Protein backbone atom coordinates (compact mmCIF):
# COMPACT_ATOMS: atom_id res chain seq x y z
CA MET A 1 -0.07 0.07 -0.10
CA ASN A 2 1.32 3.41 -0.97
CA ARG A 3 1.49 6.15 1.76
CA LEU A 4 -0.12 9.42 1.14
CA GLU A 5 2.64 12.10 1.28
CA ASN A 6 0.41 14.90 2.40
CA PRO A 7 -3.05 13.93 3.63
CA ALA A 8 -3.91 17.58 4.30
CA ARG A 9 -3.81 18.01 0.45
CA ARG A 10 -6.39 15.46 -0.01
CA ARG A 11 -8.66 17.23 2.54
CA LEU A 12 -8.13 20.55 0.62
CA PHE A 13 -9.30 18.94 -2.61
CA ARG A 14 -12.30 17.49 -1.03
CA GLY A 15 -13.30 20.86 0.60
CA LYS A 16 -12.39 19.60 4.12
CA LEU A 17 -9.96 22.21 5.43
CA SER A 18 -10.08 21.01 9.11
CA HIS A 19 -9.06 17.72 10.26
CA LYS A 20 -11.15 15.70 12.63
CA PRO A 21 -9.18 14.06 15.43
CA GLU A 22 -9.12 10.24 14.99
CA GLN A 23 -8.99 7.72 17.82
CA ARG A 24 -5.38 6.38 17.27
CA LEU A 25 -3.84 3.53 18.67
CA PRO A 26 -3.30 3.64 22.61
CA TRP A 27 -0.27 5.43 24.06
CA ILE A 28 1.02 7.16 20.86
CA ILE A 29 3.25 10.13 21.52
CA SER A 30 1.15 12.58 19.57
CA GLU A 31 -1.06 12.69 16.29
CA ALA A 32 1.78 14.65 14.58
CA VAL A 33 4.46 11.92 15.45
CA PHE A 34 1.97 9.34 14.57
CA THR A 35 0.98 10.55 11.09
CA SER A 36 4.53 11.61 10.13
CA GLY A 37 6.14 8.41 11.29
CA CYS A 38 3.67 5.61 10.40
CA ASP A 39 4.41 3.95 7.17
CA GLN A 40 0.97 2.38 7.09
CA CYS A 41 2.30 -1.21 6.97
CA GLN A 42 -0.81 -2.51 8.79
CA ASP A 43 1.14 -4.74 11.12
CA CYS A 44 -0.99 -3.27 13.97
CA ILE A 45 -4.16 -4.23 12.39
CA LYS A 46 -3.02 -7.92 11.78
CA SER A 47 -1.86 -8.02 15.44
CA CYS A 48 -4.92 -6.69 17.05
CA GLU A 49 -6.55 -9.51 19.07
CA THR A 50 -9.95 -7.86 19.21
CA GLN A 51 -9.84 -6.62 15.57
CA ILE A 52 -10.73 -2.99 16.44
CA ILE A 53 -7.92 -1.26 14.45
CA VAL A 54 -9.11 -0.07 11.07
CA LEU A 55 -7.83 2.34 8.45
CA ASP A 56 -9.06 6.04 8.35
CA GLU A 57 -9.57 7.96 5.19
CA GLN A 58 -5.92 8.71 4.85
CA GLY A 59 -4.74 5.06 5.36
CA PHE A 60 -3.67 5.50 8.96
CA PRO A 61 -4.65 3.12 11.73
CA LYS A 62 -7.37 4.10 14.13
CA ILE A 63 -9.38 2.52 16.69
CA ASP A 64 -13.00 1.70 16.05
CA PHE A 65 -14.84 0.88 19.33
CA SER A 66 -18.17 -0.02 17.52
CA LYS A 67 -16.21 -3.26 16.64
CA GLY A 68 -15.37 -4.01 20.24
CA GLU A 69 -13.16 -3.09 23.14
CA CYS A 70 -9.39 -2.68 23.70
CA THR A 71 -7.73 -5.22 25.89
CA PHE A 72 -4.65 -3.20 26.09
CA CYS A 73 -2.71 -6.29 25.16
CA GLN A 74 -0.09 -4.03 23.52
CA GLN A 75 0.27 -6.17 20.48
CA CYS A 76 -0.20 -3.12 18.15
CA ILE A 77 2.82 -1.51 19.91
CA GLN A 78 4.88 -4.56 19.97
CA SER A 79 4.38 -5.20 16.13
CA CYS A 80 5.29 -1.53 15.19
CA GLU A 81 8.94 -1.06 14.23
CA LYS A 82 8.61 2.75 14.38
CA PRO A 83 9.03 5.02 17.50
CA LEU A 84 5.48 6.13 17.66
CA PHE A 85 4.61 5.13 21.38
CA LYS A 86 5.39 6.48 24.64
CA PRO A 87 8.19 4.62 26.46
CA GLN A 88 7.20 1.19 27.92
CA ALA A 89 8.09 2.33 31.41
CA GLN A 90 5.74 5.28 31.24
CA ILE A 91 3.02 2.86 30.00
CA ASP A 92 3.66 0.36 32.66
CA SER A 93 3.49 2.88 35.46
CA GLY A 94 -0.29 3.01 35.02
CA LEU A 95 -0.19 6.86 35.34
CA GLU A 96 -0.62 7.32 31.53
CA THR A 97 -4.03 7.01 30.14
CA PRO A 98 -4.14 5.25 26.75
CA TRP A 99 -5.84 8.28 24.95
CA PRO A 100 -6.28 11.98 25.77
CA VAL A 101 -10.16 11.52 25.87
CA THR A 102 -13.12 11.71 28.28
CA LEU A 103 -16.10 9.51 28.16
CA GLY A 104 -19.56 10.96 27.86
CA ILE A 105 -23.15 10.03 27.55
CA ASN A 106 -25.56 11.97 25.22
CA ASN A 107 -29.18 12.31 25.49
CA LYS A 108 -29.95 9.49 23.08
CA CYS A 109 -29.32 7.14 26.09
CA LEU A 110 -32.31 4.89 26.63
CA ALA A 111 -32.14 5.28 30.51
CA LYS A 112 -32.04 9.03 30.18
CA ASN A 113 -35.30 8.82 28.25
CA GLU A 114 -37.00 6.57 30.79
CA ILE A 115 -36.34 3.19 29.00
CA TYR A 116 -34.74 0.58 31.04
CA CYS A 117 -31.26 -0.24 29.69
CA ARG A 118 -27.99 -0.94 31.58
CA SER A 119 -25.88 -2.51 28.85
CA CYS A 120 -23.06 -0.13 29.55
CA GLN A 121 -22.92 -1.02 33.09
CA ASP A 122 -23.08 -4.79 32.46
CA VAL A 123 -19.81 -4.71 30.39
CA CYS A 124 -17.90 -2.12 32.48
CA GLU A 125 -15.36 -4.32 34.54
CA THR A 126 -14.20 -1.44 36.57
CA ARG A 127 -17.72 -0.13 37.27
CA ALA A 128 -17.14 3.22 36.13
CA ILE A 129 -20.66 3.36 35.16
CA THR A 130 -23.31 3.01 37.64
CA PHE A 131 -26.98 3.71 37.88
CA ARG A 132 -28.82 5.69 40.37
CA TYR A 133 -32.51 6.58 40.91
CA GLN A 134 -33.08 10.38 40.62
CA ASP A 135 -36.85 11.00 41.26
CA THR A 136 -37.93 8.69 38.47
CA SER A 137 -38.85 5.10 38.11
CA ILE A 138 -35.87 4.38 35.94
CA ALA A 139 -32.29 4.61 37.18
CA LYS A 140 -29.90 7.03 35.28
CA PRO A 141 -26.29 6.49 34.39
CA GLU A 142 -23.57 8.01 36.26
CA LEU A 143 -19.91 8.19 35.24
CA ASN A 144 -16.89 7.86 37.44
CA LEU A 145 -14.12 8.86 35.07
CA ASP A 146 -11.51 7.97 37.76
CA ASP A 147 -12.37 4.48 37.29
CA CYS A 148 -12.69 4.53 33.50
CA THR A 149 -9.95 2.52 31.69
CA GLN A 150 -10.91 3.87 28.38
CA CYS A 151 -11.37 0.17 27.10
CA GLY A 152 -14.54 1.18 24.96
CA ALA A 153 -16.51 -1.85 25.82
CA CYS A 154 -19.52 0.42 26.77
CA ILE A 155 -19.33 2.13 23.32
CA ALA A 156 -19.49 -1.17 21.35
CA THR A 157 -22.45 -2.44 23.37
CA CYS A 158 -24.69 0.57 23.64
CA PRO A 159 -27.79 0.13 21.53
CA GLN A 160 -28.25 3.78 20.99
CA ASP A 161 -24.69 4.86 20.28
CA SER A 162 -25.08 7.30 23.10
CA LEU A 163 -21.57 6.84 24.61
CA SER A 164 -18.47 8.18 22.94
CA PHE A 165 -14.96 9.47 23.82
CA THR A 166 -14.35 13.27 23.34
CA PHE A 167 -10.72 14.45 22.92
CA ILE A 168 -9.83 16.42 25.91
CA SER A 169 -8.71 19.34 23.91
CA GLU A 170 -12.27 19.34 22.24
CA ALA A 171 -13.99 19.26 25.71
CA ALA A 172 -11.84 22.32 26.81
CA ASN A 173 -12.74 24.25 23.72
CA ALA A 174 -16.41 23.45 24.10
CA ARG A 175 -16.54 25.20 27.58
């Protein structure tokens, strides 16, 4: 597969001047380092045990949580020959989050609309998503972002696509 030399040029000709941030592989150094250093060999796609790594419009790997969750097996990191990821000691420390994102629940959530659903809580191993009654007959979801591992299991299982990750820089700009 041939690598696109300048993805911004393609966006210009398509009339898309701004670049929507993609959910890249966990623990990359930065988007700029990733897109300038990735040779699009697809070794990370082949090595992903949950098959959630796909190609974006420019041919770079990205995570698609609609296909499943990330188990943080680090096979994508180990299969990559390029220096695109944070140092292993930094990853192993547990202080680094895999992505600069925050989890959010939008208003399409069934429970928020008085329809019983707890599919996100059922798959959340760390119990970052809990439900609490708030003067209604249906319990509403609550997020404890400190417990969220960012695995994406809740995103894949939600029947309404009401859960998503928002890049922290986007969340800060929206305020």
